[in-house]
Amino acid sequence: MIGVSYVGSFGATSTGSGSAAAVSILSIGRQIVGTSGVAVALVATSTPCQSIIVCGDVDAGIVTVIGDSNVVATTTGINGVIIIPGNSPVTISSTNAGDVYVDAQENGGAVSFVIIG
């Protein structure tokens, strides 16, 4: 199960006791889609996590889509959450970053990501 929310900035959430919850950055990376229409795993291996912050790669300038292994970002159809380069990052609630995939509307589309544990 993958949940999605849009964020403008990153911050810890309150535990209710007045202190902030501890979070760790587990990994920072970039994933490039070599062939449009072919879903690519965000990371190559199972990576337990709490959430993933994803943004479109401004240098590539290509619309990408994130979701599960059925993600599609072709000119004939989209299945997933659209990521537009330059827009606000998207936060994905996931227990495993290895379950998140990306596709692009053109070859060479890319996303940058931060995996939070």
C-alpha atoms as a PDB file:
ATOM      1  CA  MET A   1       0.000   0.000   0.000  1.00  0.00           C
ATOM      2  CA  ILE A   2       1.356   3.358  -1.027  1.00  0.00           C
ATOM      3  CA  GLY A   3      -0.073   6.620   0.330  1.00  0.00           C
ATOM      4  CA  VAL A   4       0.687  10.027  -1.164  1.00  0.00           C
ATOM      5  CA  SER A   5       0.644  13.596   0.111  1.00  0.00           C
ATOM      6  CA  TYR A   6       2.057  16.849  -1.236  1.00  0.00           C
ATOM      7  CA  VAL A   7       4.484  18.831   0.883  1.00  0.00           C
ATOM      8  CA  GLY A   8       6.167  22.189   0.638  1.00  0.00           C
ATOM      9  CA  SER A   9       8.903  21.433   3.148  1.00  0.00           C
ATOM     10  CA  PHE A  10      10.228  18.556   5.226  1.00  0.00           C
ATOM     11  CA  GLY A  11       9.817  18.386   8.980  1.00  0.00           C
ATOM     12  CA  ALA A  12       9.377  15.982  11.891  1.00  0.00           C
ATOM     13  CA  THR A  13       5.910  15.309  13.212  1.00  0.00           C
ATOM     14  CA  SER A  14       4.886  15.923  16.810  1.00  0.00           C
ATOM     15  CA  THR A  15       4.525  12.951  19.151  1.00  0.00           C
ATOM     16  CA  GLY A  16       1.980  14.803  21.288  1.00  0.00           C
ATOM     17  CA  SER A  17       4.332  15.072  24.255  1.00  0.00           C
ATOM     18  CA  GLY A  18       5.885  18.293  23.044  1.00  0.00           C
ATOM     19  CA  SER A  19       8.916  16.620  21.476  1.00  0.00           C
ATOM     20  CA  ALA A  20       9.511  15.930  17.795  1.00  0.00           C
ATOM     21  CA  ALA A  21       9.578  12.390  16.426  1.00  0.00           C
ATOM     22  CA  ALA A  22      13.021  11.189  15.366  1.00  0.00           C
ATOM     23  CA  VAL A  23      13.482  10.629  11.647  1.00  0.00           C
ATOM     24  CA  SER A  24      16.496   9.448   9.683  1.00  0.00           C
ATOM     25  CA  ILE A  25      17.456   9.951   6.082  1.00  0.00           C
ATOM     26  CA  LEU A  26      18.241   6.438   4.889  1.00  0.00           C
ATOM     27  CA  SER A  27      19.130   7.228   1.295  1.00  0.00           C
ATOM     28  CA  ILE A  28      19.189  10.022  -1.256  1.00  0.00           C
ATOM     29  CA  GLY A  29      19.132   9.206  -4.940  1.00  0.00           C
ATOM     30  CA  ARG A  30      17.994   9.745  -8.491  1.00  0.00           C
ATOM     31  CA  GLN A  31      16.253   7.258 -10.766  1.00  0.00           C
ATOM     32  CA  ILE A  32      16.255   7.631 -14.555  1.00  0.00           C
ATOM     33  CA  VAL A  33      13.686   5.930 -16.789  1.00  0.00           C
ATOM     34  CA  GLY A  34      15.589   4.634 -19.813  1.00  0.00           C
ATOM     35  CA  THR A  35      12.554   3.586 -21.825  1.00  0.00           C
ATOM     36  CA  SER A  36       9.196   5.336 -21.561  1.00  0.00           C
ATOM     37  CA  GLY A  37       6.367   2.922 -20.804  1.00  0.00           C
ATOM     38  CA  VAL A  38       8.585   0.562 -18.810  1.00  0.00           C
ATOM     39  CA  ALA A  39       8.254   0.888 -15.013  1.00  0.00           C
ATOM     40  CA  VAL A  40      11.550   1.116 -13.124  1.00  0.00           C
ATOM     41  CA  ALA A  41      11.926   0.363  -9.405  1.00  0.00           C
ATOM     42  CA  LEU A  42      12.885   3.464  -7.433  1.00  0.00           C
ATOM     43  CA  VAL A  43      15.574   1.391  -5.679  1.00  0.00           C
ATOM     44  CA  ALA A  44      17.028  -1.973  -6.685  1.00  0.00           C
ATOM     45  CA  THR A  45      16.536  -3.804  -3.389  1.00  0.00           C
ATOM     46  CA  SER A  46      13.996  -4.091  -0.591  1.00  0.00           C
ATOM     47  CA  THR A  47      14.474  -0.979   1.564  1.00  0.00           C
ATOM     48  CA  PRO A  48      12.309  -0.725   4.698  1.00  0.00           C
ATOM     49  CA  CYS A  49      11.244   2.878   5.336  1.00  0.00           C
ATOM     50  CA  GLN A  50       8.523   5.172   6.676  1.00  0.00           C
ATOM     51  CA  SER A  51       8.171   7.482   3.694  1.00  0.00           C
ATOM     52  CA  ILE A  52       9.814   8.745   0.517  1.00  0.00           C
ATOM     53  CA  ILE A  53      10.006  12.340  -0.699  1.00  0.00           C
ATOM     54  CA  VAL A  54      10.018  12.495  -4.519  1.00  0.00           C
ATOM     55  CA  CYS A  55      10.400  15.397  -6.944  1.00  0.00           C
ATOM     56  CA  GLY A  56      10.678  15.657 -10.706  1.00  0.00           C
ATOM     57  CA  ASP A  57      14.140  16.200 -12.132  1.00  0.00           C
ATOM     58  CA  VAL A  58      14.230  19.764 -13.448  1.00  0.00           C
ATOM     59  CA  ASP A  59      17.308  19.062 -15.602  1.00  0.00           C
ATOM     60  CA  ALA A  60      15.474  16.294 -17.485  1.00  0.00           C
ATOM     61  CA  GLY A  61      12.284  18.391 -17.692  1.00  0.00           C
ATOM     62  CA  ILE A  62      10.128  15.324 -18.423  1.00  0.00           C
ATOM     63  CA  VAL A  63       6.858  14.432 -16.679  1.00  0.00           C
ATOM     64  CA  THR A  64       7.148  11.237 -14.621  1.00  0.00           C
ATOM     65  CA  VAL A  65       4.604   9.119 -12.765  1.00  0.00           C
ATOM     66  CA  ILE A  66       5.156   7.177  -9.519  1.00  0.00           C
ATOM     67  CA  GLY A  67       3.164   4.278  -8.098  1.00  0.00           C
ATOM     68  CA  ASP A  68       3.317   0.527  -7.693  1.00  0.00           C
ATOM     69  CA  SER A  69       4.662  -1.914 -10.306  1.00  0.00           C
ATOM     70  CA  ASN A  70       1.650  -1.150 -12.550  1.00  0.00           C
ATOM     71  CA  VAL A  71       2.622   2.515 -12.978  1.00  0.00           C
ATOM     72  CA  VAL A  72       2.233   3.846 -16.539  1.00  0.00           C
ATOM     73  CA  ALA A  73       3.197   7.223 -18.029  1.00  0.00           C
ATOM     74  CA  THR A  74       2.613   7.012 -21.753  1.00  0.00           C
ATOM     75  CA  THR A  75       0.937   9.484 -24.097  1.00  0.00           C
ATOM     76  CA  THR A  76      -2.029   7.084 -24.313  1.00  0.00           C
ATOM     77  CA  GLY A  77      -2.559   6.632 -20.579  1.00  0.00           C
ATOM     78  CA  ILE A  78      -1.400   7.386 -17.040  1.00  0.00           C
ATOM     79  CA  ASN A  79      -1.663   5.149 -13.978  1.00  0.00           C
ATOM     80  CA  GLY A  80      -0.070   6.628 -10.865  1.00  0.00           C
ATOM     81  CA  VAL A  81       0.739  10.019  -9.357  1.00  0.00           C
ATOM     82  CA  ILE A  82       2.004  12.607 -11.834  1.00  0.00           C
ATOM     83  CA  ILE A  83       5.290  14.297 -10.931  1.00  0.00           C
ATOM     84  CA  ILE A  84       5.987  17.532 -12.812  1.00  0.00           C
ATOM     85  CA  PRO A  85       9.539  18.915 -12.692  1.00  0.00           C
ATOM     86  CA  GLY A  86       9.650  22.159 -10.707  1.00  0.00           C
ATOM     87  CA  ASN A  87       6.457  21.484  -8.725  1.00  0.00           C
ATOM     88  CA  SER A  88       6.389  20.785  -4.981  1.00  0.00           C
ATOM     89  CA  PRO A  89       7.802  17.437  -3.816  1.00  0.00           C
ATOM     90  CA  VAL A  90       5.438  14.529  -3.144  1.00  0.00           C
ATOM     91  CA  THR A  91       5.661  12.436   0.027  1.00  0.00           C
ATOM     92  CA  ILE A  92       4.842   8.750  -0.331  1.00  0.00           C
ATOM     93  CA  SER A  93       3.932   6.722   2.750  1.00  0.00           C
ATOM     94  CA  SER A  94       5.449   3.287   2.225  1.00  0.00           C
ATOM     95  CA  THR A  95       7.007   0.604   4.387  1.00  0.00           C
ATOM     96  CA  ASN A  96       9.322  -0.485   1.549  1.00  0.00           C
ATOM     97  CA  ALA A  97      10.918   1.823  -1.027  1.00  0.00           C
ATOM     98  CA  GLY A  98      11.464  -1.253  -3.216  1.00  0.00           C
ATOM     99  CA  ASP A  99       7.693  -1.358  -3.836  1.00  0.00           C
ATOM    100  CA  VAL A 100       7.686   2.087  -5.486  1.00  0.00           C
ATOM    101  CA  TYR A 101       8.144   2.409  -9.252  1.00  0.00           C
ATOM    102  CA  VAL A 102       8.540   5.275 -11.711  1.00  0.00           C
ATOM    103  CA  ASP A 103       7.750   5.672 -15.403  1.00  0.00           C
ATOM    104  CA  ALA A 104       8.190   8.685 -17.690  1.00  0.00           C
ATOM    105  CA  GLN A 105       6.347  10.134 -20.645  1.00  0.00           C
ATOM    106  CA  GLU A 106       9.623  10.271 -22.585  1.00  0.00           C
ATOM    107  CA  ASN A 107      12.889   8.334 -22.473  1.00  0.00           C
ATOM    108  CA  GLY A 108      15.278   9.859 -19.921  1.00  0.00           C
ATOM    109  CA  GLY A 109      12.677  11.173 -17.483  1.00  0.00           C
ATOM    110  CA  ALA A 110      13.987  11.181 -13.914  1.00  0.00           C
ATOM    111  CA  VAL A 111      13.049  11.743 -10.286  1.00  0.00           C
ATOM    112  CA  SER A 112      15.149  12.606  -7.269  1.00  0.00           C
ATOM    113  CA  PHE A 113      14.207  11.073  -3.927  1.00  0.00           C
ATOM    114  CA  VAL A 114      14.923  10.947  -0.200  1.00  0.00           C
ATOM    115  CA  ILE A 115      14.075   7.776   1.722  1.00  0.00           C
ATOM    116  CA  ILE A 116      13.040   8.453   5.328  1.00  0.00           C
ATOM    117  CA  GLY A 117      13.239   5.852   8.100  1.00  0.00           C
END
